[in-house]
Structure formats: structure tokens, C-alpha cells
Amino acid sequence: MKRIVLTFLLFAFLFLSINSTDQFQKERHSMVKYQIENRGIRDKKVLDAMKTIKRHLFVPDELKYYAYDDRPLPIGYGQTISQPYIVALMTELLNVNKESSVLEIGTGSGYQAAILSEIVKEVYTVEIIKELSIKAEEKFKTLKLNNIHSLHADGYYGWEEKSPFDAVIVTCAAGFVPPPLIKQLKIGGVMAIPVGQPFRVQNLFLIKKISEEKIETEVVTEVIFVPLVRNESK
């Protein structure tokens, strides 16, 4: 009798585990179709990455059942994980591939870096909040995302030692475009960055580096991001 009960419990546990996994997979694919693809994102590399990377692993446990909602979510320390559509849009704007090296400013939970890791050769991500940087780095190791490299530092200054980059993505709002980030872009490289006042509507800029002396700037859409946190001691 005990053996029958234990066998039943084992099958029940396996069924619930598989069902839970399937549930998140369905929600993830639905997110991509209705929140992202239906809004005009066409890059197959981006769509596939959004289907592959499990967003619920990058939010606090108590919020994992909201992970595939069409909205940002808090991750602690006054920071958020961006709305899925915005993650996809900014990733598509970079126009990167398996030969690309990308700098991300604002690691946060690590979700944007994880998406990029599916598409590019190397991701270099910088986070000023130490607790978030440590958590994200642990997550990358757990998920074996070995082409992501983390740095705890002031993102305003980028990561000069690893430059130049094919693209730069800034996942927090700056009052102006930081000159070091422009400098660290390759000629022909692009940057996606929200620019504007904190906690107000900002403009998402797409910046193209034509030469060392010339850049082109395009306003893509309006967004709202948390502000770029700075190291006030510098």
C-alpha cells in the first residue's frame, strides 16, 4: 500500500512539474506573439530569444506568475525589469548578430543581457547597484550564459577596457547621452538609450556613429525608465 501511495505521489509531482513548465512556455510564446510580434517586431533572432529565455527566472519569486504580463515589474532597490515589448524593441534596434560585441548599461535582473546572449558573441554588462550585480552574475552562471561578462561600476563610464563595441544599450534614463559611451562605440555602431527627466516621459534615442566626429540621432518612441544611477563620489 505504501508503495502504491508513493508511486502515485511521484507521478502527481511529475505531472504538476511538467504542467507548470508547459504553462510558462505557453505564456512565453503568447507574450511573443501578442505583445511583441503583433506590434511590429520582425527580427527572427529577437523573437526566438524572447521565446527561449525564461523571464520568470529574472523576477522575484513572488512575482513569477506576472512575469509574462505586458508591463515592467519591480526587482528591488528602486529598479525594474522592463516591459517585454521594450526589451524586444531595443534589442531589434541594435541590429546585431553572432559576431557582435554589445555593452549594456544597467544589468538589473539580467534579463536584457540574457536575451542578447542568445543573439550576439559577447555581452558586457555594467551595474552600479552591487546587490543586483551579484545576483545577476549568479543567475548567468546558473543558466550557463557564459558569453555574458559582468562589472560592478558606474555605467556612465562604460567599460573602456573591453571597447570598442558594435552596439550599446542603456536600460535606464539619462539626462543626456554620456560621452564615454559614444567614444566606446565602433564606427558604424549604434546605441539605444532613453533620454529625459527621471520618472517622466522620455525619448528612446537610436544613435548611429558615422565617424569619430559625426553621429546621427533618431527619436524612436516615448518611454519611461528608471533613472541612471551615478556614483556620487566621482
Protein backbone atom coordinates (compact mmCIF):
# COMPACT_ATOMS: atom_id res chain seq x y z
CA MET A 1 0.00 0.00 0.00
CA LYS A 2 2.80 2.41 0.90
CA ARG A 3 4.49 1.68 -2.42
CA ILE A 4 1.28 2.49 -4.31
CA VAL A 5 0.85 5.76 -2.43
CA LEU A 6 4.47 6.77 -3.00
CA THR A 7 4.21 5.91 -6.69
CA PHE A 8 1.04 7.99 -7.01
CA LEU A 9 2.65 10.95 -5.25
CA LEU A 10 5.70 10.71 -7.51
CA PHE A 11 3.56 10.74 -10.67
CA ALA A 12 1.48 13.59 -9.28
CA PHE A 13 4.64 15.60 -8.57
CA LEU A 14 6.00 14.95 -12.07
CA PHE A 15 2.67 15.87 -13.66
CA LEU A 16 2.47 19.14 -11.76
CA SER A 17 6.09 19.98 -12.60
CA ILE A 18 5.59 19.32 -16.31
CA ASN A 19 2.28 21.18 -16.31
CA SER A 20 3.91 24.18 -14.60
CA THR A 21 6.72 24.23 -17.17
CA ASP A 22 4.23 23.97 -20.04
CA GLN A 23 2.16 26.76 -18.54
CA PHE A 24 5.10 29.15 -18.54
CA GLN A 25 6.12 28.06 -22.03
CA LYS A 26 2.64 28.78 -23.35
CA GLU A 27 2.62 32.16 -21.62
CA ARG A 28 6.05 32.98 -23.03
CA HIS A 29 5.06 32.09 -26.59
CA SER A 30 1.80 34.01 -26.19
CA MET A 31 3.78 37.01 -24.91
CA VAL A 32 5.97 36.92 -28.02
CA LYS A 33 3.05 36.60 -30.41
CA TYR A 34 0.63 39.14 -28.98
CA GLN A 35 2.85 41.65 -27.13
CA ILE A 36 5.86 41.67 -29.44
CA GLU A 37 5.33 40.24 -32.93
CA ASN A 38 1.88 41.80 -33.32
CA ARG A 39 3.41 45.20 -32.51
CA GLY A 40 5.84 45.03 -35.40
CA ILE A 41 8.97 43.28 -34.15
CA ARG A 42 10.14 41.16 -37.09
CA ASP A 43 13.74 40.12 -36.37
CA LYS A 44 13.58 36.33 -36.02
CA LYS A 45 16.69 36.30 -33.82
CA VAL A 46 14.94 38.57 -31.33
CA LEU A 47 11.67 36.64 -31.41
CA ASP A 48 13.48 33.33 -30.89
CA ALA A 49 15.50 34.74 -27.98
CA MET A 50 12.34 36.07 -26.31
CA LYS A 51 10.79 32.59 -26.65
CA THR A 52 13.89 30.88 -25.28
CA ILE A 53 14.85 32.99 -22.25
CA LYS A 54 12.53 32.36 -19.30
CA ARG A 55 11.51 35.78 -17.99
CA HIS A 56 10.02 34.30 -14.81
CA LEU A 57 13.56 33.35 -13.70
CA PHE A 58 14.55 37.04 -13.70
CA VAL A 59 11.80 38.41 -11.44
CA PRO A 60 11.31 37.96 -7.67
CA ASP A 61 9.69 34.61 -6.82
CA GLU A 62 6.51 36.25 -5.58
CA LEU A 63 6.04 37.90 -8.99
CA LYS A 64 6.86 34.97 -11.29
CA TYR A 65 3.20 34.43 -12.20
CA TYR A 66 3.12 38.00 -13.55
CA ALA A 67 6.38 37.58 -15.48
CA TYR A 68 4.72 37.44 -18.90
CA ASP A 69 2.37 40.37 -18.37
CA ASP A 70 2.65 43.37 -20.67
CA ARG A 71 4.38 45.60 -18.13
CA PRO A 72 7.59 46.23 -16.19
CA LEU A 73 7.96 44.64 -12.75
CA PRO A 74 9.89 45.72 -9.64
CA ILE A 75 13.09 43.82 -8.86
CA GLY A 76 14.11 45.71 -5.70
CA TYR A 77 16.44 48.63 -4.96
CA GLY A 78 14.13 51.01 -6.84
CA GLN A 79 14.76 49.18 -10.13
CA THR A 80 12.54 47.32 -12.60
CA ILE A 81 12.67 44.66 -15.29
CA SER A 82 11.49 46.33 -18.48
CA GLN A 83 8.24 45.61 -20.31
CA PRO A 84 8.83 42.67 -22.72
CA TYR A 85 7.96 44.72 -25.81
CA ILE A 86 10.52 47.40 -24.92
CA VAL A 87 13.20 44.74 -24.38
CA ALA A 88 12.44 43.31 -27.83
CA LEU A 89 12.26 46.73 -29.50
CA MET A 90 15.60 47.92 -28.12
CA THR A 91 17.24 44.61 -28.99
CA GLU A 92 15.97 44.79 -32.57
CA LEU A 93 17.19 48.39 -32.91
CA LEU A 94 20.77 47.27 -32.24
CA ASN A 95 20.76 45.14 -35.43
CA VAL A 96 23.37 42.74 -34.03
CA ASN A 97 24.40 39.16 -34.84
CA LYS A 98 26.65 36.29 -33.73
CA GLU A 99 29.77 38.31 -34.49
CA SER A 100 28.74 41.31 -32.39
CA SER A 101 30.04 42.61 -29.08
CA VAL A 102 27.48 44.59 -27.05
CA LEU A 103 27.78 46.82 -23.99
CA GLU A 104 24.76 47.04 -21.68
CA ILE A 105 24.44 49.77 -19.07
CA GLY A 106 22.12 48.73 -16.24
CA THR A 107 22.24 44.97 -15.70
CA GLY A 108 19.27 44.97 -13.33
CA SER A 109 17.92 41.42 -13.02
CA GLY A 110 19.96 40.30 -16.03
CA TYR A 111 17.04 39.67 -18.40
CA GLN A 112 18.12 42.04 -21.19
CA ALA A 113 21.67 40.66 -21.09
CA ALA A 114 20.29 37.10 -21.26
CA ILE A 115 18.22 37.97 -24.34
CA LEU A 116 21.29 39.47 -26.01
CA SER A 117 23.40 36.43 -25.10
CA GLU A 118 21.22 34.33 -27.41
CA ILE A 119 21.95 36.64 -30.35
CA VAL A 120 25.49 38.04 -30.06
CA LYS A 121 29.03 36.80 -29.49
CA GLU A 122 29.78 38.68 -26.25
CA VAL A 123 27.71 40.77 -23.82
CA TYR A 124 29.43 43.16 -21.40
CA THR A 125 27.01 44.42 -18.76
CA VAL A 126 27.59 47.08 -16.10
CA GLU A 127 25.55 47.58 -12.92
CA ILE A 128 26.18 50.17 -10.20
CA ILE A 129 23.97 48.53 -7.53
CA LYS A 130 26.20 45.85 -6.04
CA GLU A 131 23.41 43.57 -4.81
CA LEU A 132 21.83 43.43 -8.27
CA SER A 133 25.19 42.89 -9.95
CA ILE A 134 25.96 39.91 -7.70
CA LYS A 135 22.51 38.34 -8.15
CA ALA A 136 22.64 38.73 -11.93
CA GLU A 137 26.13 37.24 -12.18
CA GLU A 138 25.00 34.23 -10.12
CA LYS A 139 22.00 33.84 -12.42
CA PHE A 140 24.20 33.90 -15.53
CA LYS A 141 26.41 31.17 -14.05
CA THR A 142 23.42 29.02 -13.05
CA LEU A 143 21.94 29.28 -16.55
CA LYS A 144 25.37 28.75 -18.15
CA LEU A 145 25.18 32.01 -20.09
CA ASN A 146 28.93 32.03 -20.46
CA ASN A 147 29.18 34.83 -23.01
CA ILE A 148 27.91 37.42 -20.50
CA HIS A 149 30.58 39.36 -18.59
CA SER A 150 29.56 41.45 -15.56
CA LEU A 151 31.07 44.54 -13.98
CA HIS A 152 30.01 46.36 -10.81
CA ALA A 153 30.73 50.01 -11.68
CA ASP A 154 29.26 53.37 -12.67
CA GLY A 155 27.72 52.74 -16.08
CA TYR A 156 28.20 56.35 -17.16
CA TYR A 157 31.83 55.48 -17.92
CA GLY A 158 31.02 52.29 -19.82
CA TRP A 159 33.66 49.54 -19.91
CA GLU A 160 36.62 51.08 -21.71
CA GLU A 161 38.91 48.04 -21.38
CA LYS A 162 36.52 45.93 -23.47
CA SER A 163 35.72 48.58 -26.08
CA PRO A 164 35.07 49.28 -28.89
CA PHE A 165 31.57 47.77 -29.12
CA ASP A 166 29.35 47.07 -32.09
CA ALA A 167 26.38 48.33 -30.07
CA VAL A 168 25.49 49.89 -26.73
CA ILE A 169 22.15 49.52 -24.96
CA VAL A 170 21.25 51.66 -21.95
CA THR A 171 18.37 50.35 -19.84
CA CYS A 172 17.94 53.42 -17.64
CA ALA A 173 17.18 57.04 -18.46
CA ALA A 174 20.00 59.56 -18.73
CA GLY A 175 19.62 63.33 -18.76
CA PHE A 176 21.97 63.38 -21.76
CA VAL A 177 23.97 60.84 -23.74
CA PRO A 178 27.17 60.03 -21.79
CA PRO A 179 30.20 60.93 -23.97
CA PRO A 180 32.23 57.86 -22.84
CA LEU A 181 29.57 55.58 -24.33
CA ILE A 182 29.78 57.34 -27.68
CA LYS A 183 33.56 57.06 -27.59
CA GLN A 184 33.39 53.31 -26.91
CA LEU A 185 31.19 52.64 -29.96
CA LYS A 186 32.81 51.37 -33.14
CA ILE A 187 32.45 53.46 -36.28
CA GLY A 188 29.16 52.29 -37.75
CA GLY A 189 27.93 51.13 -34.34
CA VAL A 190 24.58 52.05 -32.78
CA MET A 191 23.27 52.89 -29.33
CA ALA A 192 19.73 52.61 -27.95
CA ILE A 193 19.25 54.90 -24.96
CA PRO A 194 16.31 56.57 -23.19
CA VAL A 195 17.00 60.27 -22.63
CA GLY A 196 14.98 62.61 -20.44
CA GLN A 197 13.99 63.55 -16.92
CA PRO A 198 13.56 60.89 -14.22
CA PHE A 199 10.04 59.49 -13.70
CA ARG A 200 8.67 61.44 -16.68
CA VAL A 201 8.09 60.53 -20.29
CA GLN A 202 11.45 60.19 -22.03
CA ASN A 203 12.54 59.72 -25.65
CA LEU A 204 14.12 56.48 -26.79
CA PHE A 205 17.05 57.56 -28.99
CA LEU A 206 18.73 55.45 -31.65
CA ILE A 207 22.21 56.87 -32.14
CA LYS A 208 24.44 55.92 -35.08
CA LYS A 209 28.16 56.65 -35.00
CA ILE A 210 29.04 57.70 -38.54
CA SER A 211 32.59 58.79 -37.71
CA GLU A 212 34.56 59.98 -34.69
CA GLU A 213 33.24 63.49 -35.38
CA LYS A 214 29.70 62.71 -36.55
CA ILE A 215 26.72 60.95 -35.01
CA GLU A 216 23.12 60.72 -36.17
CA THR A 217 20.23 60.65 -33.70
CA GLU A 218 16.70 59.37 -34.30
CA VAL A 219 13.81 59.51 -31.82
CA VAL A 220 12.13 56.09 -31.93
CA THR A 221 9.31 56.38 -29.38
CA GLU A 222 8.36 57.65 -25.94
CA VAL A 223 9.28 55.52 -22.91
CA ILE A 224 9.50 55.69 -19.13
CA PHE A 225 12.62 54.22 -17.48
CA VAL A 226 14.08 54.44 -14.01
CA PRO A 227 16.96 56.97 -13.89
CA LEU A 228 20.62 56.20 -14.49
CA VAL A 229 22.16 55.82 -11.02
CA ARG A 230 25.53 57.51 -10.60
CA ASN A 231 28.43 57.09 -8.22
CA GLU A 232 28.33 60.48 -6.47
CA SER A 233 31.88 60.06 -5.15
CA LYS A 234 33.28 60.56 -8.68
